[in-house]
Amino acid sequence: ADQGSKADVRIVADAAEVARADRIVLPGVGAFADCKKGLESLPGMVAAVDRAVRERGRPFLGICVGMQLLATTGFEHGTHAGLGWIPGEVKALAPADPALKIPHMGWNTIEFRAGLHPLLAGIAHHAHAYFVHSYAMTCDDPADIAAVTDYGGPVAALIAHENMAGTQFHPEKSKATGLRLIA
């Protein structure tokens, strides 16, 4: 059955509510450091999310910068510590084709890596998703990359490790592909 229509979705800024959540979604807006500071500015939020996700195993989905914060380090406008949940780095896009513009903005296909991650179930291989970003995450363990897109070379489109996942693309803007992933 479709659980999405029965979900109690809340936008919260209270650490106690996050601690009680069955699932956590962290959308990312703006720059890496600003997004992290936004989380840190909410009393107890980073600790509550960390406990819920890493200790209690709650499913976590980061979107765009929300995914990038899973990394160890981000290099957007300086060097900044991420949450460090999935070892890796976030660096400026550097497509091999100099004609490709930064930011990477628009529709691109996603190519699944070995082993189909459950978030990709029901999504066609090479489905289109909508991207808007100037920085990309690389994972220390290539097995943490569940899907890539090609933007002058492979770019992580979906990363996943245990109960944590993140999309570089915006599922909320990716029509049928994004709706299926969110479901």
C-alpha atoms as a PDB file:
ATOM      1  CA  ALA A   1       0.000   0.000   0.000  1.00  0.00           C
ATOM      2  CA  ASP A   2       1.075   3.540  -0.616  1.00  0.00           C
ATOM      3  CA  GLN A   3       2.221   4.838   2.765  1.00  0.00           C
ATOM      4  CA  GLY A   4       2.993   8.302   1.396  1.00  0.00           C
ATOM      5  CA  SER A   5      -0.647   9.392   1.453  1.00  0.00           C
ATOM      6  CA  LYS A   6      -0.938   8.405   5.137  1.00  0.00           C
ATOM      7  CA  ALA A   7       2.322   9.990   6.266  1.00  0.00           C
ATOM      8  CA  ASP A   8       2.316  12.678   8.936  1.00  0.00           C
ATOM      9  CA  VAL A   9       4.876  15.026   7.393  1.00  0.00           C
ATOM     10  CA  ARG A  10       6.093  17.908   9.529  1.00  0.00           C
ATOM     11  CA  ILE A  11       8.592  20.687   9.069  1.00  0.00           C
ATOM     12  CA  VAL A  12      10.289  21.011  12.440  1.00  0.00           C
ATOM     13  CA  ALA A  13      12.915  23.119  14.150  1.00  0.00           C
ATOM     14  CA  ASP A  14      12.636  21.352  17.498  1.00  0.00           C
ATOM     15  CA  ALA A  15      15.213  18.701  18.425  1.00  0.00           C
ATOM     16  CA  ALA A  16      12.678  16.773  20.543  1.00  0.00           C
ATOM     17  CA  GLU A  17      10.378  16.362  17.525  1.00  0.00           C
ATOM     18  CA  VAL A  18      13.260  15.113  15.415  1.00  0.00           C
ATOM     19  CA  ALA A  19      14.130  12.609  18.139  1.00  0.00           C
ATOM     20  CA  ARG A  20      10.586  11.180  17.873  1.00  0.00           C
ATOM     21  CA  ALA A  21      10.528  11.051  14.046  1.00  0.00           C
ATOM     22  CA  ASP A  22      10.214   7.741  12.198  1.00  0.00           C
ATOM     23  CA  ARG A  23      12.119   9.163   9.203  1.00  0.00           C
ATOM     24  CA  ILE A  24      14.186  12.299   8.699  1.00  0.00           C
ATOM     25  CA  VAL A  25      14.594  14.373   5.539  1.00  0.00           C
ATOM     26  CA  LEU A  26      17.148  17.180   5.430  1.00  0.00           C
ATOM     27  CA  PRO A  27      16.727  19.469   2.435  1.00  0.00           C
ATOM     28  CA  GLY A  28      19.690  21.666   1.733  1.00  0.00           C
ATOM     29  CA  VAL A  29      19.539  25.256   0.609  1.00  0.00           C
ATOM     30  CA  GLY A  30      22.479  27.563   0.019  1.00  0.00           C
ATOM     31  CA  ALA A  31      26.122  26.886   0.744  1.00  0.00           C
ATOM     32  CA  PHE A  32      27.587  23.945   2.708  1.00  0.00           C
ATOM     33  CA  ALA A  33      28.767  25.992   5.712  1.00  0.00           C
ATOM     34  CA  ASP A  34      25.551  28.026   5.911  1.00  0.00           C
ATOM     35  CA  CYS A  35      23.417  24.876   5.895  1.00  0.00           C
ATOM     36  CA  LYS A  36      25.541  23.326   8.661  1.00  0.00           C
ATOM     37  CA  LYS A  37      25.381  26.556  10.704  1.00  0.00           C
ATOM     38  CA  GLY A  38      21.614  26.564  10.271  1.00  0.00           C
ATOM     39  CA  LEU A  39      21.422  23.089  11.828  1.00  0.00           C
ATOM     40  CA  GLU A  40      23.822  24.062  14.615  1.00  0.00           C
ATOM     41  CA  SER A  41      21.802  27.197  15.410  1.00  0.00           C
ATOM     42  CA  LEU A  42      18.845  25.059  16.507  1.00  0.00           C
ATOM     43  CA  PRO A  43      19.445  23.995  20.138  1.00  0.00           C
ATOM     44  CA  GLY A  44      20.302  20.291  20.354  1.00  0.00           C
ATOM     45  CA  MET A  45      19.411  19.619  16.698  1.00  0.00           C
ATOM     46  CA  VAL A  46      22.709  18.130  15.489  1.00  0.00           C
ATOM     47  CA  ALA A  47      22.863  15.795  18.494  1.00  0.00           C
ATOM     48  CA  ALA A  48      19.190  14.794  18.092  1.00  0.00           C
ATOM     49  CA  VAL A  49      19.597  13.995  14.392  1.00  0.00           C
ATOM     50  CA  ASP A  50      22.842  12.121  15.063  1.00  0.00           C
ATOM     51  CA  ARG A  51      21.227   9.983  17.779  1.00  0.00           C
ATOM     52  CA  ALA A  52      18.093   9.302  15.727  1.00  0.00           C
ATOM     53  CA  VAL A  53      20.006   8.325  12.591  1.00  0.00           C
ATOM     54  CA  ARG A  54      23.222   6.722  13.782  1.00  0.00           C
ATOM     55  CA  GLU A  55      22.169   5.242  17.135  1.00  0.00           C
ATOM     56  CA  ARG A  56      18.510   4.431  16.540  1.00  0.00           C
ATOM     57  CA  GLY A  57      18.801   3.644  12.810  1.00  0.00           C
ATOM     58  CA  ARG A  58      16.038   5.975  11.616  1.00  0.00           C
ATOM     59  CA  PRO A  59      15.960   6.289   7.807  1.00  0.00           C
ATOM     60  CA  PHE A  60      17.571   9.540   6.686  1.00  0.00           C
ATOM     61  CA  LEU A  61      17.369  11.282   3.308  1.00  0.00           C
ATOM     62  CA  GLY A  62      19.485  14.335   2.543  1.00  0.00           C
ATOM     63  CA  ILE A  63      18.618  16.392  -0.524  1.00  0.00           C
ATOM     64  CA  CYS A  64      21.231  18.442  -2.407  1.00  0.00           C
ATOM     65  CA  VAL A  65      23.280  20.249   0.273  1.00  0.00           C
ATOM     66  CA  GLY A  66      21.450  18.080   2.817  1.00  0.00           C
ATOM     67  CA  MET A  67      23.169  15.115   1.141  1.00  0.00           C
ATOM     68  CA  GLN A  68      26.513  16.899   0.975  1.00  0.00           C
ATOM     69  CA  LEU A  69      26.464  17.497   4.738  1.00  0.00           C
ATOM     70  CA  LEU A  70      26.798  13.718   5.190  1.00  0.00           C
ATOM     71  CA  ALA A  71      30.426  14.079   4.046  1.00  0.00           C
ATOM     72  CA  THR A  72      33.442  14.510   6.281  1.00  0.00           C
ATOM     73  CA  THR A  73      34.527  17.813   4.737  1.00  0.00           C
ATOM     74  CA  GLY A  74      33.134  20.448   2.388  1.00  0.00           C
ATOM     75  CA  PHE A  75      35.301  22.873   0.418  1.00  0.00           C
ATOM     76  CA  GLU A  76      32.682  25.444  -0.576  1.00  0.00           C
ATOM     77  CA  HIS A  77      34.023  28.922   0.311  1.00  0.00           C
ATOM     78  CA  GLY A  78      36.674  27.480   2.644  1.00  0.00           C
ATOM     79  CA  THR A  79      37.128  24.191   4.481  1.00  0.00           C
ATOM     80  CA  HIS A  80      34.231  23.107   6.676  1.00  0.00           C
ATOM     81  CA  ALA A  81      33.420  19.991   8.711  1.00  0.00           C
ATOM     82  CA  GLY A  82      30.370  18.050   7.621  1.00  0.00           C
ATOM     83  CA  LEU A  83      28.448  15.584   9.746  1.00  0.00           C
ATOM     84  CA  GLY A  84      31.001  12.896   8.805  1.00  0.00           C
ATOM     85  CA  TRP A  85      28.444  10.084   8.547  1.00  0.00           C
ATOM     86  CA  ILE A  86      29.586   8.943   5.099  1.00  0.00           C
ATOM     87  CA  PRO A  87      33.314   9.503   4.652  1.00  0.00           C
ATOM     88  CA  GLY A  88      33.969  11.740   1.681  1.00  0.00           C
ATOM     89  CA  GLU A  89      34.499  15.265   0.437  1.00  0.00           C
ATOM     90  CA  VAL A  90      32.437  17.913  -1.301  1.00  0.00           C
ATOM     91  CA  LYS A  91      34.361  19.870  -3.918  1.00  0.00           C
ATOM     92  CA  ALA A  92      33.595  22.235  -6.771  1.00  0.00           C
ATOM     93  CA  LEU A  93      32.352  20.584  -9.945  1.00  0.00           C
ATOM     94  CA  ALA A  94      35.121  20.343 -12.520  1.00  0.00           C
ATOM     95  CA  PRO A  95      33.631  18.884 -15.717  1.00  0.00           C
ATOM     96  CA  ALA A  96      36.116  17.577 -18.283  1.00  0.00           C
ATOM     97  CA  ASP A  97      34.215  19.518 -20.970  1.00  0.00           C
ATOM     98  CA  PRO A  98      34.909  23.251 -20.441  1.00  0.00           C
ATOM     99  CA  ALA A  99      31.731  24.093 -22.400  1.00  0.00           C
ATOM    100  CA  LEU A 100      29.605  22.729 -19.546  1.00  0.00           C
ATOM    101  CA  LYS A 101      28.374  25.543 -17.346  1.00  0.00           C
ATOM    102  CA  ILE A 102      28.549  25.786 -13.579  1.00  0.00           C
ATOM    103  CA  PRO A 103      26.178  25.502 -11.821  1.00  0.00           C
ATOM    104  CA  HIS A 104      25.008  22.219 -13.282  1.00  0.00           C
ATOM    105  CA  MET A 105      21.348  23.046 -13.742  1.00  0.00           C
ATOM    106  CA  GLY A 106      18.749  20.989 -15.527  1.00  0.00           C
ATOM    107  CA  TRP A 107      17.648  17.488 -16.399  1.00  0.00           C
ATOM    108  CA  ASN A 108      20.144  14.637 -16.523  1.00  0.00           C
ATOM    109  CA  THR A 109      19.831  10.873 -16.491  1.00  0.00           C
ATOM    110  CA  ILE A 110      20.822   8.831 -13.472  1.00  0.00           C
ATOM    111  CA  GLU A 111      22.740   5.600 -13.921  1.00  0.00           C
ATOM    112  CA  PHE A 112      22.497   2.953 -11.230  1.00  0.00           C
ATOM    113  CA  ARG A 113      25.643   1.409  -9.817  1.00  0.00           C
ATOM    114  CA  ALA A 114      26.008  -2.267  -8.908  1.00  0.00           C
ATOM    115  CA  GLY A 115      23.172  -3.483  -6.718  1.00  0.00           C
ATOM    116  CA  LEU A 116      19.871  -1.653  -6.844  1.00  0.00           C
ATOM    117  CA  HIS A 117      19.332   0.515  -3.779  1.00  0.00           C
ATOM    118  CA  PRO A 118      15.751   0.238  -2.409  1.00  0.00           C
ATOM    119  CA  LEU A 119      15.161   3.970  -3.019  1.00  0.00           C
ATOM    120  CA  LEU A 120      15.586   3.277  -6.734  1.00  0.00           C
ATOM    121  CA  ALA A 121      13.026   0.452  -6.844  1.00  0.00           C
ATOM    122  CA  GLY A 122      10.437   1.208  -9.499  1.00  0.00           C
ATOM    123  CA  ILE A 123      12.592   3.893 -11.136  1.00  0.00           C
ATOM    124  CA  ALA A 124      13.802   3.218 -14.665  1.00  0.00           C
ATOM    125  CA  HIS A 125      17.541   2.925 -15.260  1.00  0.00           C
ATOM    126  CA  HIS A 126      18.590   6.183 -16.974  1.00  0.00           C
ATOM    127  CA  ALA A 127      15.512   8.023 -15.644  1.00  0.00           C
ATOM    128  CA  HIS A 128      15.748  11.793 -15.712  1.00  0.00           C
ATOM    129  CA  ALA A 129      16.191  13.871 -12.558  1.00  0.00           C
ATOM    130  CA  TYR A 130      16.570  17.603 -11.988  1.00  0.00           C
ATOM    131  CA  PHE A 131      19.921  18.938 -10.737  1.00  0.00           C
ATOM    132  CA  VAL A 132      20.959  22.386  -9.454  1.00  0.00           C
ATOM    133  CA  HIS A 133      24.456  22.415  -7.913  1.00  0.00           C
ATOM    134  CA  SER A 134      28.008  23.708  -8.220  1.00  0.00           C
ATOM    135  CA  TYR A 135      29.616  21.229  -5.788  1.00  0.00           C
ATOM    136  CA  ALA A 136      29.608  17.444  -5.731  1.00  0.00           C
ATOM    137  CA  MET A 137      30.376  14.729  -3.207  1.00  0.00           C
ATOM    138  CA  THR A 138      32.955  12.021  -3.647  1.00  0.00           C
ATOM    139  CA  CYS A 139      32.827   9.060  -1.283  1.00  0.00           C
ATOM    140  CA  ASP A 140      35.900   7.381   0.192  1.00  0.00           C
ATOM    141  CA  ASP A 141      34.164   4.041  -0.406  1.00  0.00           C
ATOM    142  CA  PRO A 142      32.857   3.806  -4.004  1.00  0.00           C
ATOM    143  CA  ALA A 143      30.227   1.315  -2.753  1.00  0.00           C
ATOM    144  CA  ASP A 144      28.488   4.283  -1.070  1.00  0.00           C
ATOM    145  CA  ILE A 145      27.599   5.689  -4.513  1.00  0.00           C
ATOM    146  CA  ALA A 146      24.297   4.126  -5.590  1.00  0.00           C
ATOM    147  CA  ALA A 147      23.787   6.195  -8.756  1.00  0.00           C
ATOM    148  CA  VAL A 148      25.683   8.715 -10.848  1.00  0.00           C
ATOM    149  CA  THR A 149      24.934  11.273 -13.505  1.00  0.00           C
ATOM    150  CA  ASP A 150      27.308  12.348 -16.264  1.00  0.00           C
ATOM    151  CA  TYR A 151      28.278  16.008 -16.246  1.00  0.00           C
ATOM    152  CA  GLY A 152      31.649  16.043 -17.943  1.00  0.00           C
ATOM    153  CA  GLY A 153      32.438  12.885 -15.956  1.00  0.00           C
ATOM    154  CA  PRO A 154      30.628  10.874 -13.318  1.00  0.00           C
ATOM    155  CA  VAL A 155      28.994  12.827 -10.489  1.00  0.00           C
ATOM    156  CA  ALA A 156      27.366  11.148  -7.483  1.00  0.00           C
ATOM    157  CA  ALA A 157      23.593  11.433  -7.920  1.00  0.00           C
ATOM    158  CA  LEU A 158      22.542   9.169  -5.027  1.00  0.00           C
ATOM    159  CA  ILE A 159      24.698   8.075  -2.134  1.00  0.00           C
ATOM    160  CA  ALA A 160      23.682   5.485   0.417  1.00  0.00           C
ATOM    161  CA  HIS A 161      25.171   3.797   3.460  1.00  0.00           C
ATOM    162  CA  GLU A 162      23.127   1.670   5.857  1.00  0.00           C
ATOM    163  CA  ASN A 163      20.030   3.745   6.812  1.00  0.00           C
ATOM    164  CA  MET A 164      21.432   6.976   5.319  1.00  0.00           C
ATOM    165  CA  ALA A 165      20.891   8.168   1.768  1.00  0.00           C
ATOM    166  CA  GLY A 166      21.174  11.394  -0.134  1.00  0.00           C
ATOM    167  CA  THR A 167      20.332  12.729  -3.564  1.00  0.00           C
ATOM    168  CA  GLN A 168      22.318  15.398  -5.352  1.00  0.00           C
ATOM    169  CA  PHE A 169      19.287  15.909  -7.568  1.00  0.00           C
ATOM    170  CA  HIS A 170      16.057  17.412  -6.300  1.00  0.00           C
ATOM    171  CA  PRO A 171      13.388  14.704  -6.086  1.00  0.00           C
ATOM    172  CA  GLU A 172      10.733  17.335  -5.377  1.00  0.00           C
ATOM    173  CA  LYS A 173      11.473  18.856  -8.827  1.00  0.00           C
ATOM    174  CA  SER A 174      12.055  15.570 -10.673  1.00  0.00           C
ATOM    175  CA  LYS A 175       8.449  14.699 -11.554  1.00  0.00           C
ATOM    176  CA  ALA A 176       7.640  10.962 -11.672  1.00  0.00           C
ATOM    177  CA  THR A 177      11.215   9.907 -10.813  1.00  0.00           C
ATOM    178  CA  GLY A 178      11.310  12.073  -7.709  1.00  0.00           C
ATOM    179  CA  LEU A 179       7.792  11.186  -6.588  1.00  0.00           C
ATOM    180  CA  ARG A 180       8.626   7.477  -6.828  1.00  0.00           C
ATOM    181  CA  LEU A 181      11.825   7.937  -4.814  1.00  0.00           C
ATOM    182  CA  ILE A 182      10.014   9.913  -2.110  1.00  0.00           C
ATOM    183  CA  ALA A 183       7.247   7.292  -1.955  1.00  0.00           C
END
